[in-house]
Amino acid sequence: MCKSERTVCEGGQVYDPRNGKTYSGTITMAGKDRLELRGYIMVSLIGRTST
């Protein structure tokens, strides 16, 4: 679900085609033309962020 200011969207899923697994995910606006995608298992403390 995206927050009203639309800078963070949480509660989504990310599919990794390399290993065939689906992870929970969050997308954050990191600038005017940049997104950060964070995929994680169970808790967002254990995961990986990509831009």
C-alpha atoms as a PDB file:
ATOM      1  CA  MET A   1       0.000   0.000   0.000  1.00  0.00           C
ATOM      2  CA  CYS A   2       1.336   3.441  -0.909  1.00  0.00           C
ATOM      3  CA  LYS A   3       1.337   6.218   1.658  1.00  0.00           C
ATOM      4  CA  SER A   4      -0.557   9.364   0.711  1.00  0.00           C
ATOM      5  CA  GLU A   5       2.570  11.378  -0.151  1.00  0.00           C
ATOM      6  CA  ARG A   6       3.465   8.534  -2.573  1.00  0.00           C
ATOM      7  CA  THR A   7       7.111   8.379  -1.549  1.00  0.00           C
ATOM      8  CA  VAL A   8       6.878   4.859  -0.058  1.00  0.00           C
ATOM      9  CA  CYS A   9       4.857   1.870  -1.253  1.00  0.00           C
ATOM     10  CA  GLU A  10       4.787  -1.094   1.126  1.00  0.00           C
ATOM     11  CA  GLY A  11       3.137  -4.478   1.185  1.00  0.00           C
ATOM     12  CA  GLY A  12       4.026  -5.571  -2.337  1.00  0.00           C
ATOM     13  CA  GLN A  13       5.825  -8.588  -3.685  1.00  0.00           C
ATOM     14  CA  VAL A  14       9.025  -8.905  -5.718  1.00  0.00           C
ATOM     15  CA  TYR A  15       9.735 -11.886  -7.966  1.00  0.00           C
ATOM     16  CA  ASP A  16      13.360 -12.895  -8.601  1.00  0.00           C
ATOM     17  CA  PRO A  17      13.483 -14.773 -11.923  1.00  0.00           C
ATOM     18  CA  ARG A  18      17.038 -15.989 -11.226  1.00  0.00           C
ATOM     19  CA  ASN A  19      15.980 -18.223  -8.344  1.00  0.00           C
ATOM     20  CA  GLY A  20      12.199 -18.397  -8.902  1.00  0.00           C
ATOM     21  CA  LYS A  21      11.360 -17.037  -5.443  1.00  0.00           C
ATOM     22  CA  THR A  22       8.917 -14.320  -4.433  1.00  0.00           C
ATOM     23  CA  TYR A  23       9.778 -11.874  -1.648  1.00  0.00           C
ATOM     24  CA  SER A  24       7.962  -9.120   0.222  1.00  0.00           C
ATOM     25  CA  GLY A  25       8.920  -5.689  -1.045  1.00  0.00           C
ATOM     26  CA  THR A  26       8.935  -1.941  -0.533  1.00  0.00           C
ATOM     27  CA  ILE A  27       9.529   0.786  -3.137  1.00  0.00           C
ATOM     28  CA  THR A  28      10.801   4.216  -2.056  1.00  0.00           C
ATOM     29  CA  MET A  29      11.241   7.363  -4.148  1.00  0.00           C
ATOM     30  CA  ALA A  30      14.926   8.142  -3.644  1.00  0.00           C
ATOM     31  CA  GLY A  31      14.970  11.202  -5.880  1.00  0.00           C
ATOM     32  CA  LYS A  32      13.220  12.837  -8.804  1.00  0.00           C
ATOM     33  CA  ASP A  33      14.148  10.026 -11.206  1.00  0.00           C
ATOM     34  CA  ARG A  34      15.301   7.223  -8.882  1.00  0.00           C
ATOM     35  CA  LEU A  35      13.526   4.375  -7.079  1.00  0.00           C
ATOM     36  CA  GLU A  36      14.876   2.072  -4.400  1.00  0.00           C
ATOM     37  CA  LEU A  37      13.419  -1.419  -4.266  1.00  0.00           C
ATOM     38  CA  ARG A  38      13.881  -3.470  -1.097  1.00  0.00           C
ATOM     39  CA  GLY A  39      13.084  -7.159  -1.164  1.00  0.00           C
ATOM     40  CA  TYR A  40      13.044  -9.209   2.021  1.00  0.00           C
ATOM     41  CA  ILE A  41      11.885 -12.412   3.676  1.00  0.00           C
ATOM     42  CA  MET A  42       9.609 -12.039   6.721  1.00  0.00           C
ATOM     43  CA  VAL A  43      11.245  -8.879   8.199  1.00  0.00           C
ATOM     44  CA  SER A  44      12.644  -5.918   6.277  1.00  0.00           C
ATOM     45  CA  LEU A  45      15.769  -5.926   8.487  1.00  0.00           C
ATOM     46  CA  ILE A  46      16.987  -8.992   6.583  1.00  0.00           C
ATOM     47  CA  GLY A  47      16.942  -8.180   2.894  1.00  0.00           C
ATOM     48  CA  ARG A  48      18.541  -6.443  -0.045  1.00  0.00           C
ATOM     49  CA  THR A  49      18.041  -2.974  -1.559  1.00  0.00           C
ATOM     50  CA  SER A  50      18.503  -2.220  -5.263  1.00  0.00           C
ATOM     51  CA  THR A  51      18.242   1.030  -7.208  1.00  0.00           C
END
